[in-house]
Amino acid sequence: MGGFQRGSSISFGLVVCSLAVSLFVMSCAGLQTKDLVKNPEVAVHDVRFSDITFESIGLMVNLAVKNPNVFGVRVAGYDYDLKVAGNHFLKGEQPLTTSIPAGGDAAVDVPVTMNLADIYKTFSSLAGADDAPYRIDAGVVCELPILGKIRIPVSKEGTFPLLKVPGISVKGIQIRQLGLSGAELVVSGAISNPNSFGFNLQSIRYALEVAGSPWASGLRTERVAVAPKGTSSFSLPISVNYAEIGMGVYNMLTSGRSLEYKLNGDVDLTTTLEMFPKAKIPLDLIGKTIIQK
């Protein structure tokens, strides 16, 4: 009977000892996971607009990733979901291999390009708006010991301008001086601004064809201010030499007939919008006009 009790005591002691060891191991594992491995901290450091044109606008979201651990971690990638006016517009993801040392930090740039024509097509209610609200929900994926890959979310809201291409038109061609060897003409035009900011027309590089014949080309530097939602006039003085183009030009000038013209080139602008100081827009006009005397 006594031997049986001693065996039972030993077995009971082994069970208690094993249980104690298991609890100790589990508590150490829990301590290691909870207290020794910490999630990196992600915050939006800066948001800026870049590569702005009348056709598209770039959004660069700069994220600051901080590693609070005593060991290095790796940033494995990021993803983003861009909403415009409360609706999904663009999604994307990008793998990375960025290492962050113990107690260090790193910058992660999330670039997004928004095509304005796609925005107007997708959100018809924004066609007449001057700006639009956005929200970008991003996630940074980090690799940690024991925990493996984890995604750390971050978001940012704001607004961006809805740029619209200025309209350019030819109002007519007038004769200033008509001679036996050539003529002095002026092309009158107008430039309209559908935007909520003003701009200045700085120069026009042009090539003019009339009735399929090249009449003139050059660079016109004429500073013309255009107010927000406003329209201003511009002019292109040109000289026509009959010897270079042909005597048939004289008959065109004096016929009173409607003639087809093509005006190609580009227009340089400076704007009052700080994030969009300069712009270049194409000049590509086709029409008919009667040359006025």
Protein backbone atom coordinates (compact mmCIF):
# COMPACT_ATOMS: atom_id res chain seq x y z
CA MET A 1 0.00 0.00 0.00
CA GLY A 2 2.91 2.34 0.88
CA GLY A 3 4.73 1.64 -2.42
CA PHE A 4 1.61 2.46 -4.31
CA GLN A 5 1.39 5.85 -2.59
CA ARG A 6 5.00 6.67 -3.36
CA GLY A 7 4.49 5.91 -7.06
CA SER A 8 1.39 8.01 -7.14
CA SER A 9 3.22 10.92 -5.56
CA ILE A 10 5.98 10.71 -8.12
CA SER A 11 3.48 10.59 -11.01
CA PHE A 12 1.55 13.48 -9.56
CA GLY A 13 4.77 15.47 -9.16
CA LEU A 14 5.73 14.82 -12.76
CA VAL A 15 2.35 16.06 -13.97
CA VAL A 16 2.61 19.22 -11.89
CA CYS A 17 6.16 19.82 -13.10
CA SER A 18 5.17 19.30 -16.75
CA LEU A 19 2.22 21.62 -16.36
CA ALA A 20 4.41 24.28 -14.79
CA VAL A 21 6.95 24.00 -17.61
CA SER A 22 4.18 24.23 -20.23
CA LEU A 23 2.70 27.32 -18.58
CA PHE A 24 6.15 28.89 -18.38
CA VAL A 25 6.84 28.23 -22.07
CA MET A 26 3.42 29.54 -23.06
CA SER A 27 3.88 32.68 -20.98
CA CYS A 28 7.32 33.26 -22.51
CA ALA A 29 5.92 32.82 -26.02
CA GLY A 30 3.09 35.22 -25.19
CA LEU A 31 5.57 37.68 -23.74
CA GLN A 32 7.77 37.39 -26.82
CA THR A 33 4.90 37.96 -29.22
CA LYS A 34 3.14 40.68 -27.28
CA ASP A 35 6.00 42.61 -25.70
CA LEU A 36 9.11 41.82 -27.72
CA VAL A 37 7.67 42.11 -31.26
CA LYS A 38 5.91 45.40 -31.92
CA ASN A 39 4.07 46.52 -35.02
CA PRO A 40 5.81 49.26 -37.03
CA GLU A 41 4.11 52.65 -36.93
CA VAL A 42 2.88 54.20 -40.19
CA ALA A 43 1.81 57.83 -40.63
CA VAL A 44 1.17 60.17 -43.55
CA HIS A 45 4.16 62.49 -43.67
CA ASP A 46 3.25 64.55 -46.72
CA VAL A 47 0.86 64.71 -49.67
CA ARG A 48 1.81 66.64 -52.79
CA PHE A 49 0.68 67.02 -56.37
CA SER A 50 3.13 66.41 -59.22
CA ASP A 51 3.31 66.08 -63.00
CA ILE A 52 0.24 68.28 -63.38
CA THR A 53 -1.18 68.93 -66.84
CA PHE A 54 -4.61 69.79 -68.18
CA GLU A 55 -5.01 66.07 -68.91
CA SER A 56 -3.81 64.43 -65.70
CA ILE A 57 -2.65 65.09 -62.18
CA GLY A 58 -0.27 63.07 -60.03
CA LEU A 59 -0.85 62.47 -56.32
CA MET A 60 2.21 61.50 -54.26
CA VAL A 61 1.50 60.25 -50.74
CA ASN A 62 4.65 60.06 -48.62
CA LEU A 63 4.35 57.58 -45.73
CA ALA A 64 6.71 57.52 -42.75
CA VAL A 65 7.31 53.99 -41.41
CA LYS A 66 8.93 53.71 -37.97
CA ASN A 67 10.39 50.50 -36.54
CA PRO A 68 10.10 50.46 -32.71
CA ASN A 69 11.79 47.05 -32.37
CA VAL A 70 15.33 46.16 -31.28
CA PHE A 71 15.77 44.24 -34.53
CA GLY A 72 15.39 45.16 -38.19
CA VAL A 73 12.21 44.58 -40.18
CA ARG A 74 11.45 44.54 -43.88
CA VAL A 75 8.78 46.50 -45.76
CA ALA A 76 7.39 43.98 -48.26
CA GLY A 77 5.06 46.31 -50.18
CA TYR A 78 2.06 48.59 -50.13
CA ASP A 79 -1.45 48.81 -51.53
CA TYR A 80 -3.90 51.67 -52.02
CA ASP A 81 -7.55 52.35 -52.74
CA LEU A 82 -8.30 55.85 -54.07
CA LYS A 83 -11.83 57.21 -53.78
CA VAL A 84 -13.00 60.33 -55.61
CA ALA A 85 -16.18 62.07 -54.44
CA GLY A 86 -16.85 59.10 -52.17
CA ASN A 87 -16.62 56.49 -54.93
CA HIS A 88 -13.89 53.98 -55.79
CA PHE A 89 -11.71 55.18 -58.65
CA LEU A 90 -8.27 53.50 -58.59
CA LYS A 91 -6.67 50.56 -56.80
CA GLY A 92 -3.14 49.28 -56.90
CA GLU A 93 -0.33 47.50 -55.08
CA GLN A 94 3.43 47.41 -55.29
CA PRO A 95 5.99 44.99 -53.82
CA LEU A 96 9.00 46.47 -52.02
CA THR A 97 12.23 45.23 -50.45
CA THR A 98 12.94 48.08 -48.06
CA SER A 99 14.82 47.26 -44.84
CA ILE A 100 14.35 49.31 -41.68
CA PRO A 101 17.06 48.97 -39.00
CA ALA A 102 16.28 48.58 -35.31
CA GLY A 103 14.76 51.80 -33.98
CA GLY A 104 14.98 53.35 -37.45
CA ASP A 105 12.50 54.64 -39.99
CA ALA A 106 11.97 54.71 -43.75
CA ALA A 107 9.90 56.63 -46.29
CA VAL A 108 7.46 54.86 -48.58
CA ASP A 109 6.11 56.86 -51.53
CA VAL A 110 2.72 55.91 -52.94
CA PRO A 111 2.32 57.53 -56.39
CA VAL A 112 -1.09 57.71 -58.06
CA THR A 113 -1.85 59.28 -61.46
CA MET A 114 -5.40 60.47 -62.09
CA ASN A 115 -6.54 60.89 -65.68
CA LEU A 116 -8.94 63.84 -65.67
CA ALA A 117 -10.85 62.66 -68.73
CA ASP A 118 -11.53 59.35 -66.94
CA ILE A 119 -12.73 61.24 -63.86
CA TYR A 120 -15.17 63.35 -65.89
CA LYS A 121 -16.36 60.23 -67.69
CA THR A 122 -16.78 58.19 -64.51
CA PHE A 123 -18.28 60.96 -62.38
CA SER A 124 -20.49 63.08 -64.62
CA SER A 125 -21.49 65.26 -61.66
CA LEU A 126 -17.93 66.63 -61.52
CA ALA A 127 -17.94 67.95 -65.12
CA GLY A 128 -18.69 71.51 -63.99
CA ALA A 129 -16.88 71.39 -60.63
CA ASP A 130 -13.64 73.24 -59.88
CA ASP A 131 -12.29 70.66 -57.44
CA ALA A 132 -13.07 67.22 -56.07
CA PRO A 133 -12.70 65.51 -52.68
CA TYR A 134 -10.54 62.41 -52.43
CA ARG A 135 -9.69 59.77 -49.85
CA ILE A 136 -6.81 57.35 -50.17
CA ASP A 137 -6.73 54.24 -47.99
CA ALA A 138 -3.29 52.66 -48.06
CA GLY A 139 -1.68 49.72 -46.34
CA VAL A 140 1.99 49.02 -45.70
CA VAL A 141 2.94 45.34 -45.50
CA CYS A 142 5.83 44.51 -43.12
CA GLU A 143 7.53 41.20 -42.32
CA LEU A 144 8.07 40.51 -38.60
CA PRO A 145 9.58 37.57 -36.69
CA ILE A 146 6.98 35.10 -35.39
CA LEU A 147 4.07 37.24 -36.66
CA GLY A 148 5.05 37.02 -40.33
CA LYS A 149 3.52 39.52 -42.74
CA ILE A 150 1.17 42.13 -41.31
CA ARG A 151 -0.65 45.01 -43.02
CA ILE A 152 -0.69 48.39 -41.29
CA PRO A 153 -3.47 50.68 -42.58
CA VAL A 154 -3.34 54.46 -43.01
CA SER A 155 -5.60 56.96 -44.76
CA LYS A 156 -5.66 60.58 -45.91
CA GLU A 157 -8.38 62.91 -47.19
CA GLY A 158 -8.21 66.14 -49.15
CA THR A 159 -9.22 67.88 -52.36
CA PHE A 160 -7.56 68.31 -55.75
CA PRO A 161 -8.28 70.80 -58.57
CA LEU A 162 -10.22 69.70 -61.61
CA LEU A 163 -8.29 71.27 -64.50
CA LYS A 164 -9.96 71.91 -67.81
CA VAL A 165 -8.25 72.60 -71.15
CA PRO A 166 -8.66 76.22 -72.33
CA GLY A 167 -10.55 76.70 -75.57
CA ILE A 168 -8.87 78.41 -78.53
CA SER A 169 -10.66 79.64 -81.64
CA VAL A 170 -9.93 81.67 -84.77
CA LYS A 171 -12.28 84.61 -85.20
CA GLY A 172 -11.06 85.60 -88.65
CA ILE A 173 -8.24 86.77 -90.94
CA GLN A 174 -8.03 90.42 -91.96
CA ILE A 175 -5.91 92.22 -94.54
CA ARG A 176 -3.92 95.07 -93.06
CA GLN A 177 -2.04 96.00 -96.20
CA LEU A 178 -2.34 94.63 -99.74
CA GLY A 179 0.53 95.22 -102.17
CA LEU A 180 1.74 93.96 -105.55
CA SER A 181 4.46 91.74 -104.06
CA GLY A 182 2.82 90.66 -100.84
CA ALA A 183 0.35 91.36 -98.08
CA GLU A 184 0.28 92.04 -94.37
CA LEU A 185 -2.42 90.06 -92.56
CA VAL A 186 -3.55 89.47 -89.00
CA VAL A 187 -5.16 86.32 -87.62
CA SER A 188 -7.57 87.20 -84.81
CA GLY A 189 -8.33 84.60 -82.18
CA ALA A 190 -9.78 84.08 -78.73
CA ILE A 191 -8.78 81.97 -75.75
CA SER A 192 -11.34 81.02 -73.11
CA ASN A 193 -10.64 79.85 -69.57
CA PRO A 194 -13.08 77.35 -68.00
CA ASN A 195 -11.03 77.16 -64.77
CA SER A 196 -11.40 78.88 -61.41
CA PHE A 197 -7.84 80.27 -61.64
CA GLY A 198 -6.44 82.82 -64.05
CA PHE A 199 -3.55 82.47 -66.49
CA ASN A 200 -1.43 84.48 -68.89
CA LEU A 201 -0.86 83.54 -72.49
CA GLN A 202 2.88 84.02 -72.99
CA SER A 203 3.64 82.85 -76.51
CA ILE A 204 2.18 81.07 -79.53
CA ARG A 205 4.25 78.95 -81.89
CA TYR A 206 2.24 78.55 -85.05
CA ALA A 207 2.09 77.37 -88.67
CA LEU A 208 -0.75 78.63 -90.88
CA GLU A 209 -2.05 76.89 -93.99
CA VAL A 210 -4.76 78.37 -96.22
CA ALA A 211 -6.42 76.33 -98.97
CA GLY A 212 -3.73 73.65 -98.53
CA SER A 213 -0.85 76.09 -99.03
CA PRO A 214 1.60 77.04 -96.21
CA TRP A 215 1.34 80.79 -95.71
CA ALA A 216 3.32 81.57 -92.59
CA SER A 217 4.97 80.18 -89.45
CA GLY A 218 6.68 81.73 -86.48
CA LEU A 219 6.64 82.56 -82.78
CA ARG A 220 4.36 85.25 -81.41
CA THR A 221 5.22 86.53 -77.92
CA GLU A 222 2.18 88.39 -76.71
CA ARG A 223 1.28 88.43 -73.03
CA VAL A 224 -2.47 88.17 -72.72
CA ALA A 225 -4.16 87.91 -69.31
CA VAL A 226 -7.18 85.61 -69.10
CA ALA A 227 -9.36 85.88 -65.99
CA PRO A 228 -10.95 82.89 -64.22
CA LYS A 229 -13.96 81.77 -66.30
CA GLY A 230 -13.06 84.56 -68.74
CA THR A 231 -12.19 85.00 -72.42
CA SER A 232 -9.51 87.20 -74.03
CA SER A 233 -8.46 87.99 -77.60
CA PHE A 234 -5.07 87.50 -79.25
CA SER A 235 -3.62 88.29 -82.67
CA LEU A 236 -1.01 86.80 -85.01
CA PRO A 237 0.45 89.32 -87.48
CA ILE A 238 1.78 87.53 -90.59
CA SER A 239 3.41 88.54 -93.84
CA VAL A 240 2.63 86.83 -97.15
CA ASN A 241 5.10 86.96 -100.02
CA TYR A 242 3.60 86.16 -103.44
CA ALA A 243 6.98 85.12 -104.86
CA GLU A 244 7.37 82.46 -102.18
CA ILE A 245 3.80 81.16 -102.15
CA GLY A 246 2.62 81.93 -105.66
CA MET A 247 0.60 84.66 -107.33
CA GLY A 248 -2.57 82.66 -106.78
CA VAL A 249 -2.50 83.98 -103.21
CA TYR A 250 -3.40 87.46 -104.48
CA ASN A 251 -6.54 86.09 -106.08
CA MET A 252 -7.46 84.29 -102.84
CA LEU A 253 -7.06 87.50 -100.88
CA THR A 254 -9.29 89.46 -103.20
CA SER A 255 -11.84 86.80 -104.18
CA GLY A 256 -14.10 87.14 -101.17
CA ARG A 257 -14.47 83.35 -101.11
CA SER A 258 -14.59 81.22 -97.97
CA LEU A 259 -11.20 79.54 -97.59
CA GLU A 260 -10.23 76.56 -95.48
CA TYR A 261 -7.42 77.16 -92.96
CA LYS A 262 -5.31 75.06 -90.62
CA LEU A 263 -3.56 76.61 -87.63
CA ASN A 264 -1.14 74.27 -85.82
CA GLY A 265 1.43 74.72 -83.09
CA ASP A 266 1.37 75.15 -79.32
CA VAL A 267 0.60 77.79 -76.70
CA ASP A 268 2.66 78.52 -73.57
CA LEU A 269 0.81 79.65 -70.44
CA THR A 270 1.66 80.71 -66.90
CA THR A 271 -1.06 80.28 -64.30
CA THR A 272 -1.96 81.73 -60.90
CA LEU A 273 -2.33 78.20 -59.46
CA GLU A 274 0.72 77.64 -57.25
CA MET A 275 0.95 73.88 -57.84
CA PHE A 276 0.62 74.38 -61.62
CA PRO A 277 2.75 77.40 -62.58
CA LYS A 278 3.31 76.61 -66.27
CA ALA A 279 1.45 74.79 -69.00
CA LYS A 280 1.66 74.06 -72.70
CA ILE A 281 -1.40 73.26 -74.77
CA PRO A 282 -1.53 72.14 -78.41
CA LEU A 283 -2.86 74.36 -81.16
CA ASP A 284 -4.74 72.34 -83.75
CA LEU A 285 -7.52 74.29 -85.46
CA ILE A 286 -9.30 73.67 -88.77
CA GLY A 287 -12.04 75.84 -90.20
CA LYS A 288 -13.22 78.14 -92.96
CA THR A 289 -13.13 81.90 -93.12
CA ILE A 290 -13.54 84.77 -95.56
CA ILE A 291 -10.49 86.98 -95.55
CA GLN A 292 -11.72 90.45 -94.68
CA LYS A 293 -10.33 93.54 -96.42
